[in-house]
Full PDB file with SEQRES, HELIX, SHEET, SSBOND, CRYST1, ORIGX, SCALE, CONECT and MASTER records, all heavy atoms in Angstrom:
SEQRES   1 A   35  TYR ALA PRO ASN GLY LEU ASN GLY ASN ASP PRO LEU GLU          
SEQRES   2 A   35  THR ALA LYS GLU HIS TYR ALA PHE CYS THR ASP ARG ILE          
SEQRES   3 A   35  ASP GLN GLY THR ARG THR TYR LYS VAL                          
HELIX    1 AA1 PRO A   11  PHE A   21  1                                  11    
HELIX    2 AA2 ASP A   24  ASP A   27  1                                   4    
CRYST1    1.000    1.000    1.000  90.00  90.00  90.00 P 1           1          
ORIGX1      1.000000  0.000000  0.000000        0.00000                         
ORIGX2      0.000000  1.000000  0.000000        0.00000                         
ORIGX3      0.000000  0.000000  1.000000        0.00000                         
SCALE1      1.000000  0.000000  0.000000        0.00000                         
SCALE2      0.000000  1.000000  0.000000        0.00000                         
SCALE3      0.000000  0.000000  1.000000        0.00000                         
ATOM      1  N   TYR A   1      14.827  -8.661  22.853  1.00  0.00           N  
ATOM      2  CA  TYR A   1      14.866  -9.012  21.452  1.00  0.00           C  
ATOM      3  C   TYR A   1      16.207  -8.569  20.905  1.00  0.00           C  
ATOM      4  O   TYR A   1      16.564  -7.372  20.977  1.00  0.00           O  
ATOM      5  CB  TYR A   1      13.723  -8.358  20.700  1.00  0.00           C  
ATOM      6  CG  TYR A   1      13.748  -8.587  19.207  1.00  0.00           C  
ATOM      7  CD1 TYR A   1      14.022  -9.845  18.661  1.00  0.00           C  
ATOM      8  CD2 TYR A   1      13.487  -7.530  18.324  1.00  0.00           C  
ATOM      9  CE1 TYR A   1      14.026 -10.060  17.280  1.00  0.00           C  
ATOM     10  CE2 TYR A   1      13.482  -7.722  16.951  1.00  0.00           C  
ATOM     11  CZ  TYR A   1      13.759  -8.988  16.433  1.00  0.00           C  
ATOM     12  OH  TYR A   1      13.773  -9.188  15.071  1.00  0.00           O  
ATOM     13  N   ALA A   2      16.982  -9.519  20.381  1.00  0.00           N  
ATOM     14  CA  ALA A   2      18.320  -9.243  19.848  1.00  0.00           C  
ATOM     15  C   ALA A   2      18.331  -9.599  18.361  1.00  0.00           C  
ATOM     16  O   ALA A   2      18.762 -10.690  17.983  1.00  0.00           O  
ATOM     17  CB  ALA A   2      19.369 -10.021  20.608  1.00  0.00           C  
ATOM     18  N   PRO A   3      17.830  -8.717  17.490  1.00  0.00           N  
ATOM     19  CA  PRO A   3      17.689  -9.050  16.080  1.00  0.00           C  
ATOM     20  C   PRO A   3      19.027  -9.342  15.388  1.00  0.00           C  
ATOM     21  O   PRO A   3      19.074 -10.044  14.387  1.00  0.00           O  
ATOM     22  CB  PRO A   3      17.030  -7.815  15.467  1.00  0.00           C  
ATOM     23  CG  PRO A   3      17.296  -6.710  16.440  1.00  0.00           C  
ATOM     24  CD  PRO A   3      17.342  -7.355  17.793  1.00  0.00           C  
ATOM     25  N   ASN A   4      20.133  -8.812  15.945  1.00  0.00           N  
ATOM     26  CA  ASN A   4      21.454  -9.033  15.365  1.00  0.00           C  
ATOM     27  C   ASN A   4      22.210 -10.150  16.063  1.00  0.00           C  
ATOM     28  O   ASN A   4      23.393 -10.302  15.850  1.00  0.00           O  
ATOM     29  CB  ASN A   4      22.277  -7.746  15.439  1.00  0.00           C  
ATOM     30  CG  ASN A   4      21.631  -6.582  14.758  1.00  0.00           C  
ATOM     31  OD1 ASN A   4      20.980  -6.732  13.716  1.00  0.00           O  
ATOM     32  ND2 ASN A   4      21.760  -5.394  15.346  1.00  0.00           N  
ATOM     33  N   GLY A   5      21.489 -10.923  16.899  1.00  0.00           N  
ATOM     34  CA  GLY A   5      22.171 -11.973  17.649  1.00  0.00           C  
ATOM     35  C   GLY A   5      23.208 -11.357  18.561  1.00  0.00           C  
ATOM     36  O   GLY A   5      22.962 -10.386  19.266  1.00  0.00           O  
ATOM     37  N   LEU A   6      24.394 -11.883  18.547  1.00  0.00           N  
ATOM     38  CA  LEU A   6      25.487 -11.366  19.381  1.00  0.00           C  
ATOM     39  C   LEU A   6      26.301 -10.302  18.656  1.00  0.00           C  
ATOM     40  O   LEU A   6      27.282  -9.787  19.214  1.00  0.00           O  
ATOM     41  CB  LEU A   6      26.399 -12.503  19.856  1.00  0.00           C  
ATOM     42  CG  LEU A   6      25.733 -13.571  20.743  1.00  0.00           C  
ATOM     43  CD1 LEU A   6      26.757 -14.538  21.280  1.00  0.00           C  
ATOM     44  CD2 LEU A   6      24.940 -12.935  21.869  1.00  0.00           C  
ATOM     45  N   ASN A   7      25.890 -10.006  17.432  1.00  0.00           N  
ATOM     46  CA  ASN A   7      26.510  -8.869  16.686  1.00  0.00           C  
ATOM     47  C   ASN A   7      28.038  -9.030  16.592  1.00  0.00           C  
ATOM     48  O   ASN A   7      28.777  -8.056  16.654  1.00  0.00           O  
ATOM     49  CB  ASN A   7      26.159  -7.563  17.364  1.00  0.00           C  
ATOM     50  CG  ASN A   7      26.211  -6.369  16.434  1.00  0.00           C  
ATOM     51  OD1 ASN A   7      26.007  -6.509  15.235  1.00  0.00           O  
ATOM     52  ND2 ASN A   7      26.526  -5.208  16.972  1.00  0.00           N  
ATOM     53  N   GLY A   8      28.471 -10.275  16.447  1.00  0.00           N  
ATOM     54  CA  GLY A   8      29.901 -10.554  16.290  1.00  0.00           C  
ATOM     55  C   GLY A   8      30.688 -10.653  17.568  1.00  0.00           C  
ATOM     56  O   GLY A   8      31.909 -10.816  17.541  1.00  0.00           O  
ATOM     57  N   ASN A   9      30.032 -10.554  18.730  1.00  0.00           N  
ATOM     58  CA  ASN A   9      30.735 -10.605  20.012  1.00  0.00           C  
ATOM     59  C   ASN A   9      30.914 -12.036  20.504  1.00  0.00           C  
ATOM     60  O   ASN A   9      30.225 -12.962  20.056  1.00  0.00           O  
ATOM     61  CB  ASN A   9      29.945  -9.799  21.052  1.00  0.00           C  
ATOM     62  CG  ASN A   9      30.032  -8.298  20.785  1.00  0.00           C  
ATOM     63  OD1 ASN A   9      31.034  -7.648  21.047  1.00  0.00           O  
ATOM     64  ND2 ASN A   9      28.944  -7.749  20.222  1.00  0.00           N  
ATOM     65  N   ASP A  10      31.835 -12.230  21.434  1.00  0.00           N  
ATOM     66  CA  ASP A  10      32.171 -13.519  21.979  1.00  0.00           C  
ATOM     67  C   ASP A  10      31.012 -14.074  22.823  1.00  0.00           C  
ATOM     68  O   ASP A  10      30.614 -13.458  23.801  1.00  0.00           O  
ATOM     69  CB  ASP A  10      33.432 -13.376  22.851  1.00  0.00           C  
ATOM     70  CG  ASP A  10      33.888 -14.694  23.476  1.00  0.00           C  
ATOM     71  OD1 ASP A  10      33.358 -15.739  23.097  1.00  0.00           O  
ATOM     72  OD2 ASP A  10      34.752 -14.649  24.350  1.00  0.00           O  
ATOM     73  N   PRO A  11      30.469 -15.241  22.469  1.00  0.00           N  
ATOM     74  CA  PRO A  11      29.359 -15.814  23.231  1.00  0.00           C  
ATOM     75  C   PRO A  11      29.677 -16.022  24.688  1.00  0.00           C  
ATOM     76  O   PRO A  11      28.811 -15.829  25.570  1.00  0.00           O  
ATOM     77  CB  PRO A  11      29.067 -17.135  22.511  1.00  0.00           C  
ATOM     78  CG  PRO A  11      29.592 -16.946  21.138  1.00  0.00           C  
ATOM     79  CD  PRO A  11      30.798 -16.053  21.283  1.00  0.00           C  
ATOM     80  N   LEU A  12      30.888 -16.446  24.999  1.00  0.00           N  
ATOM     81  CA  LEU A  12      31.257 -16.724  26.389  1.00  0.00           C  
ATOM     82  C   LEU A  12      31.246 -15.440  27.217  1.00  0.00           C  
ATOM     83  O   LEU A  12      30.740 -15.451  28.359  1.00  0.00           O  
ATOM     84  CB  LEU A  12      32.629 -17.398  26.454  1.00  0.00           C  
ATOM     85  CG  LEU A  12      32.971 -18.095  27.773  1.00  0.00           C  
ATOM     86  CD1 LEU A  12      31.989 -19.237  28.026  1.00  0.00           C  
ATOM     87  CD2 LEU A  12      34.399 -18.646  27.730  1.00  0.00           C  
ATOM     88  N   GLU A  13      31.765 -14.387  26.691  1.00  0.00           N  
ATOM     89  CA  GLU A  13      31.751 -13.113  27.420  1.00  0.00           C  
ATOM     90  C   GLU A  13      30.340 -12.590  27.595  1.00  0.00           C  
ATOM     91  O   GLU A  13      29.999 -12.024  28.623  1.00  0.00           O  
ATOM     92  CB  GLU A  13      32.646 -12.082  26.690  1.00  0.00           C  
ATOM     93  CG  GLU A  13      34.121 -12.422  26.716  1.00  0.00           C  
ATOM     94  CD  GLU A  13      34.652 -12.645  28.120  1.00  0.00           C  
ATOM     95  OE1 GLU A  13      34.390 -11.783  29.002  1.00  0.00           O  
ATOM     96  OE2 GLU A  13      35.317 -13.663  28.360  1.00  0.00           O  
ATOM     97  N   THR A  14      29.516 -12.786  26.565  1.00  0.00           N  
ATOM     98  CA  THR A  14      28.115 -12.382  26.660  1.00  0.00           C  
ATOM     99  C   THR A  14      27.403 -13.186  27.747  1.00  0.00           C  
ATOM    100  O   THR A  14      26.619 -12.634  28.538  1.00  0.00           O  
ATOM    101  CB  THR A  14      27.394 -12.554  25.322  1.00  0.00           C  
ATOM    102  OG1 THR A  14      28.101 -11.873  24.305  1.00  0.00           O  
ATOM    103  CG2 THR A  14      25.968 -12.027  25.395  1.00  0.00           C  
ATOM    104  N   ALA A  15      27.661 -14.478  27.796  1.00  0.00           N  
ATOM    105  CA  ALA A  15      27.042 -15.325  28.823  1.00  0.00           C  
ATOM    106  C   ALA A  15      27.436 -14.892  30.236  1.00  0.00           C  
ATOM    107  O   ALA A  15      26.625 -14.932  31.157  1.00  0.00           O  
ATOM    108  CB  ALA A  15      27.438 -16.790  28.596  1.00  0.00           C  
ATOM    109  N   LYS A  16      28.669 -14.452  30.395  1.00  0.00           N  
ATOM    110  CA  LYS A  16      29.111 -13.934  31.697  1.00  0.00           C  
ATOM    111  C   LYS A  16      28.291 -12.685  32.060  1.00  0.00           C  
ATOM    112  O   LYS A  16      27.912 -12.517  33.209  1.00  0.00           O  
ATOM    113  CB  LYS A  16      30.604 -13.617  31.675  1.00  0.00           C  
ATOM    114  CG  LYS A  16      31.513 -14.822  31.576  1.00  0.00           C  
ATOM    115  CD  LYS A  16      32.988 -14.401  31.506  1.00  0.00           C  
ATOM    116  CE  LYS A  16      33.923 -15.593  31.408  1.00  0.00           C  
ATOM    117  NZ  LYS A  16      35.337 -15.160  31.288  1.00  0.00           N  
ATOM    118  N   GLU A  17      28.063 -11.824  31.080  1.00  0.00           N  
ATOM    119  CA  GLU A  17      27.257 -10.637  31.322  1.00  0.00           C  
ATOM    120  C   GLU A  17      25.820 -11.002  31.712  1.00  0.00           C  
ATOM    121  O   GLU A  17      25.228 -10.409  32.614  1.00  0.00           O  
ATOM    122  CB  GLU A  17      27.224  -9.750  30.092  1.00  0.00           C  
ATOM    123  CG  GLU A  17      28.565  -9.112  29.746  1.00  0.00           C  
ATOM    124  CD  GLU A  17      28.517  -8.231  28.509  1.00  0.00           C  
ATOM    125  OE1 GLU A  17      27.459  -8.199  27.838  1.00  0.00           O  
ATOM    126  OE2 GLU A  17      29.529  -7.613  28.198  1.00  0.00           O  
ATOM    127  N   HIS A  18      25.287 -12.040  31.061  1.00  0.00           N  
ATOM    128  CA  HIS A  18      23.923 -12.479  31.388  1.00  0.00           C  
ATOM    129  C   HIS A  18      23.857 -13.051  32.796  1.00  0.00           C  
ATOM    130  O   HIS A  18      22.872 -12.815  33.524  1.00  0.00           O  
ATOM    131  CB  HIS A  18      23.477 -13.536  30.368  1.00  0.00           C  
ATOM    132  CG  HIS A  18      23.066 -12.965  29.058  1.00  0.00           C  
ATOM    133  ND1 HIS A  18      22.130 -13.539  28.212  1.00  0.00           N  
ATOM    134  CD2 HIS A  18      23.456 -11.815  28.412  1.00  0.00           C  
ATOM    135  CE1 HIS A  18      21.967 -12.813  27.144  1.00  0.00           C  
ATOM    136  NE2 HIS A  18      22.779 -11.767  27.228  1.00  0.00           N  
ATOM    137  N   TYR A  19      24.884 -13.762  33.213  1.00  0.00           N  
ATOM    138  CA  TYR A  19      24.932 -14.302  34.571  1.00  0.00           C  
ATOM    139  C   TYR A  19      25.009 -13.149  35.585  1.00  0.00           C  
ATOM    140  O   TYR A  19      24.364 -13.186  36.628  1.00  0.00           O  
ATOM    141  CB  TYR A  19      26.138 -15.214  34.726  1.00  0.00           C  
ATOM    142  CG  TYR A  19      26.265 -15.824  36.109  1.00  0.00           C  
ATOM    143  CD1 TYR A  19      25.406 -16.808  36.543  1.00  0.00           C  
ATOM    144  CD2 TYR A  19      27.277 -15.389  36.958  1.00  0.00           C  
ATOM    145  CE1 TYR A  19      25.525 -17.338  37.816  1.00  0.00           C  
ATOM    146  CE2 TYR A  19      27.428 -15.923  38.245  1.00  0.00           C  
ATOM    147  CZ  TYR A  19      26.541 -16.898  38.648  1.00  0.00           C  
ATOM    148  OH  TYR A  19      26.670 -17.438  39.915  1.00  0.00           O  
ATOM    149  N   ALA A  20      25.790 -12.131  35.247  1.00  0.00           N  
ATOM    150  CA  ALA A  20      25.909 -10.969  36.142  1.00  0.00           C  
ATOM    151  C   ALA A  20      24.556 -10.268  36.270  1.00  0.00           C  
ATOM    152  O   ALA A  20      24.204  -9.785  37.342  1.00  0.00           O  
ATOM    153  CB  ALA A  20      26.967 -10.008  35.612  1.00  0.00           C  
ATOM    154  N   PHE A  21      23.808 -10.213  35.190  1.00  0.00           N  
ATOM    155  CA  PHE A  21      22.508  -9.558  35.197  1.00  0.00           C  
ATOM    156  C   PHE A  21      21.483 -10.385  35.947  1.00  0.00           C  
ATOM    157  O   PHE A  21      20.649  -9.847  36.683  1.00  0.00           O  
ATOM    158  CB  PHE A  21      22.067  -9.365  33.761  1.00  0.00           C  
ATOM    159  CG  PHE A  21      20.807  -8.556  33.585  1.00  0.00           C  
ATOM    160  CD1 PHE A  21      20.717  -7.235  34.001  1.00  0.00           C  
ATOM    161  CD2 PHE A  21      19.691  -9.112  32.968  1.00  0.00           C  
ATOM    162  CE1 PHE A  21      19.590  -6.488  33.811  1.00  0.00           C  
ATOM    163  CE2 PHE A  21      18.536  -8.376  32.780  1.00  0.00           C  
ATOM    164  CZ  PHE A  21      18.477  -7.063  33.201  1.00  0.00           C  
ATOM    165  N   CYS A  22      21.578 -11.709  35.819  1.00  0.00           N  
ATOM    166  CA  CYS A  22      20.584 -12.613  36.416  1.00  0.00           C  
ATOM    167  C   CYS A  22      21.240 -13.969  36.641  1.00  0.00           C  
ATOM    168  O   CYS A  22      21.350 -14.779  35.726  1.00  0.00           O  
ATOM    169  CB  CYS A  22      19.385 -12.747  35.483  1.00  0.00           C  
ATOM    170  SG  CYS A  22      18.134 -13.941  35.987  1.00  0.00           S  
ATOM    171  N   THR A  23      21.664 -14.231  37.879  1.00  0.00           N  
ATOM    172  CA  THR A  23      22.357 -15.499  38.184  1.00  0.00           C  
ATOM    173  C   THR A  23      21.480 -16.707  37.908  1.00  0.00           C  
ATOM    174  O   THR A  23      21.991 -17.774  37.550  1.00  0.00           O  
ATOM    175  CB  THR A  23      22.841 -15.525  39.641  1.00  0.00           C  
ATOM    176  OG1 THR A  23      21.711 -15.335  40.511  1.00  0.00           O  
ATOM    177  CG2 THR A  23      23.857 -14.430  39.903  1.00  0.00           C  
ATOM    178  N   ASP A  24      20.150 -16.556  38.066  1.00  0.00           N  
ATOM    179  CA  ASP A  24      19.260 -17.688  37.822  1.00  0.00           C  
ATOM    180  C   ASP A  24      19.262 -18.121  36.350  1.00  0.00           C  
ATOM    181  O   ASP A  24      18.825 -19.236  36.056  1.00  0.00           O  
ATOM    182  CB  ASP A  24      17.826 -17.330  38.235  1.00  0.00           C  
ATOM    183  CG  ASP A  24      17.622 -17.376  39.734  1.00  0.00           C  
ATOM    184  OD1 ASP A  24      18.350 -18.144  40.403  1.00  0.00           O  
ATOM    185  OD2 ASP A  24      16.758 -16.669  40.247  1.00  0.00           O  
ATOM    186  N   ARG A  25      19.759 -17.282  35.458  1.00  0.00           N  
ATOM    187  CA  ARG A  25      19.826 -17.664  34.057  1.00  0.00           C  
ATOM    188  C   ARG A  25      20.690 -18.898  33.881  1.00  0.00           C  
ATOM    189  O   ARG A  25      20.448 -19.716  32.973  1.00  0.00           O  
ATOM    190  CB  ARG A  25      20.355 -16.488  33.209  1.00  0.00           C  
ATOM    191  CG  ARG A  25      20.355 -16.795  31.717  1.00  0.00           C  
ATOM    192  CD  ARG A  25      18.962 -17.059  31.208  1.00  0.00           C  
ATOM    193  NE  ARG A  25      18.942 -17.517  29.832  1.00  0.00           N  
ATOM    194  CZ  ARG A  25      19.042 -18.775  29.461  1.00  0.00           C  
ATOM    195  NH1 ARG A  25      19.173 -19.742  30.379  1.00  0.00           N  
ATOM    196  NH2 ARG A  25      18.981 -19.117  28.182  1.00  0.00           N  
ATOM    197  N   ILE A  26      21.689 -19.052  34.730  1.00  0.00           N  
ATOM    198  CA  ILE A  26      22.533 -20.245  34.716  1.00  0.00           C  
ATOM    199  C   ILE A  26      22.187 -21.182  35.850  1.00  0.00           C  
ATOM    200  O   ILE A  26      22.025 -22.385  35.662  1.00  0.00           O  
ATOM    201  CB  ILE A  26      24.012 -19.861  34.764  1.00  0.00           C  
ATOM    202  CG1 ILE A  26      24.437 -19.208  33.441  1.00  0.00           C  
ATOM    203  CG2 ILE A  26      24.892 -21.124  35.024  1.00  0.00           C  
ATOM    204  CD1 ILE A  26      25.866 -18.710  33.419  1.00  0.00           C  
ATOM    205  N   ASP A  27      22.006 -20.630  37.045  1.00  0.00           N  
ATOM    206  CA  ASP A  27      21.784 -21.471  38.233  1.00  0.00           C  
ATOM    207  C   ASP A  27      20.491 -22.270  38.145  1.00  0.00           C  
ATOM    208  O   ASP A  27      20.405 -23.357  38.732  1.00  0.00           O  
ATOM    209  CB  ASP A  27      21.773 -20.600  39.476  1.00  0.00           C  
ATOM    210  CG  ASP A  27      23.120 -19.975  39.773  1.00  0.00           C  
ATOM    211  OD1 ASP A  27      24.115 -20.421  39.175  1.00  0.00           O  
ATOM    212  OD2 ASP A  27      23.172 -19.039  40.586  1.00  0.00           O  
ATOM    213  N   GLN A  28      19.469 -21.740  37.459  1.00  0.00           N  
ATOM    214  CA  GLN A  28      18.224 -22.475  37.324  1.00  0.00           C  
ATOM    215  C   GLN A  28      17.765 -22.629  35.864  1.00  0.00           C  
ATOM    216  O   GLN A  28      16.758 -23.271  35.625  1.00  0.00           O  
ATOM    217  CB  GLN A  28      17.107 -21.777  38.119  1.00  0.00           C  
ATOM    218  CG  GLN A  28      17.372 -21.702  39.614  1.00  0.00           C  
ATOM    219  CD  GLN A  28      16.118 -21.388  40.408  1.00  0.00           C  
ATOM    220  OE1 GLN A  28      15.138 -22.112  40.336  1.00  0.00           O  
ATOM    221  NE2 GLN A  28      16.162 -20.310  41.183  1.00  0.00           N  
ATOM    222  N   GLY A  29      18.532 -22.083  34.950  1.00  0.00           N  
ATOM    223  CA  GLY A  29      18.105 -22.104  33.552  1.00  0.00           C  
ATOM    224  C   GLY A  29      18.975 -22.931  32.625  1.00  0.00           C  
ATOM    225  O   GLY A  29      18.791 -22.893  31.406  1.00  0.00           O  
ATOM    226  N   THR A  30      19.913 -23.698  33.184  1.00  0.00           N  
ATOM    227  CA  THR A  30      20.740 -24.572  32.379  1.00  0.00           C  
ATOM    228  C   THR A  30      20.753 -25.987  32.994  1.00  0.00           C  
ATOM    229  O   THR A  30      20.422 -26.170  34.165  1.00  0.00           O  
ATOM    230  CB  THR A  30      22.181 -24.080  32.260  1.00  0.00           C  
ATOM    231  OG1 THR A  30      22.762 -24.013  33.580  1.00  0.00           O  
ATOM    232  CG2 THR A  30      22.245 -22.689  31.643  1.00  0.00           C  
ATOM    233  N   ARG A  31      21.149 -26.951  32.207  1.00  0.00           N  
ATOM    234  CA  ARG A  31      21.218 -28.341  32.693  1.00  0.00           C  
ATOM    235  C   ARG A  31      22.512 -28.617  33.436  1.00  0.00           C  
ATOM    236  O   ARG A  31      22.569 -29.396  34.374  1.00  0.00           O  
ATOM    237  CB  ARG A  31      21.088 -29.305  31.509  1.00  0.00           C  
ATOM    238  CG  ARG A  31      19.766 -29.183  30.759  1.00  0.00           C  
ATOM    239  CD  ARG A  31      19.746 -30.070  29.524  1.00  0.00           C  
ATOM    240  NE  ARG A  31      18.510 -29.894  28.738  1.00  0.00           N  
ATOM    241  CZ  ARG A  31      18.339 -28.937  27.839  1.00  0.00           C  
ATOM    242  NH1 ARG A  31      19.312 -28.054  27.601  1.00  0.00           N  
ATOM    243  NH2 ARG A  31      17.209 -28.833  27.175  1.00  0.00           N  
ATOM    244  N   THR A  32      23.596 -27.964  32.992  1.00  0.00           N  
ATOM    245  CA  THR A  32      24.920 -28.247  33.562  1.00  0.00           C  
ATOM    246  C   THR A  32      25.363 -27.188  34.562  1.00  0.00           C  
ATOM    247  O   THR A  32      26.405 -27.371  35.216  1.00  0.00           O  
ATOM    248  CB  THR A  32      25.968 -28.302  32.427  1.00  0.00           C  
ATOM    249  OG1 THR A  32      26.028 -27.038  31.768  1.00  0.00           O  
ATOM    250  CG2 THR A  32      25.608 -29.386  31.398  1.00  0.00           C  
ATOM    251  N   TYR A  33      24.660 -26.076  34.642  1.00  0.00           N  
ATOM    252  CA  TYR A  33      24.989 -24.964  35.536  1.00  0.00           C  
ATOM    253  C   TYR A  33      26.355 -24.348  35.149  1.00  0.00           C  
ATOM    254  O   TYR A  33      27.115 -23.913  36.024  1.00  0.00           O  
ATOM    255  CB  TYR A  33      24.999 -25.380  37.007  1.00  0.00           C  
ATOM    256  CG  TYR A  33      23.811 -26.222  37.381  1.00  0.00           C  
ATOM    257  CD1 TYR A  33      23.947 -27.555  37.712  1.00  0.00           C  
ATOM    258  CD2 TYR A  33      22.528 -25.682  37.411  1.00  0.00           C  
ATOM    259  CE1 TYR A  33      22.851 -28.343  38.043  1.00  0.00           C  
ATOM    260  CE2 TYR A  33      21.418 -26.432  37.743  1.00  0.00           C  
ATOM    261  CZ  TYR A  33      21.575 -27.753  38.032  1.00  0.00           C  
ATOM    262  OH  TYR A  33      20.481 -28.523  38.377  1.00  0.00           O  
ATOM    263  N   LYS A  34      26.625 -24.315  33.864  1.00  0.00           N  
ATOM    264  CA  LYS A  34      27.890 -23.785  33.398  1.00  0.00           C  
ATOM    265  C   LYS A  34      27.687 -22.630  32.410  1.00  0.00           C  
ATOM    266  O   LYS A  34      26.716 -22.628  31.627  1.00  0.00           O  
ATOM    267  CB  LYS A  34      28.729 -24.896  32.727  1.00  0.00           C  
ATOM    268  CG  LYS A  34      29.100 -26.011  33.708  1.00  0.00           C  
ATOM    269  CD  LYS A  34      29.992 -27.037  33.075  1.00  0.00           C  
ATOM    270  CE  LYS A  34      30.269 -28.214  34.008  1.00  0.00           C  
ATOM    271  NZ  LYS A  34      30.912 -27.796  35.260  1.00  0.00           N  
ATOM    272  N   VAL A  35      28.606 -21.675  32.450  1.00  0.00           N  
ATOM    273  CA  VAL A  35      28.519 -20.514  31.587  1.00  0.00           C  
ATOM    274  C   VAL A  35      28.566 -20.935  30.115  1.00  0.00           C  
ATOM    275  O   VAL A  35      27.868 -20.384  29.266  1.00  0.00           O  
ATOM    276  CB  VAL A  35      29.680 -19.552  31.883  1.00  0.00           C  
ATOM    277  CG1 VAL A  35      29.640 -18.351  30.928  1.00  0.00           C  
ATOM    278  CG2 VAL A  35      29.597 -19.048  33.337  1.00  0.00           C  
TER     279      VAL A  35                                                      
MASTER        0    0    0    2    0    0    0    6  278    1    0    3          
END                                                                             
């Protein structure tokens, strides 16, 4: 739960962190397989 959203941080850098945490977040959780 992220009540502050990205808290002013760069969405692209956050998405890279999410991929590092769980590659399936992009590999199986997106339509384009892109960060």
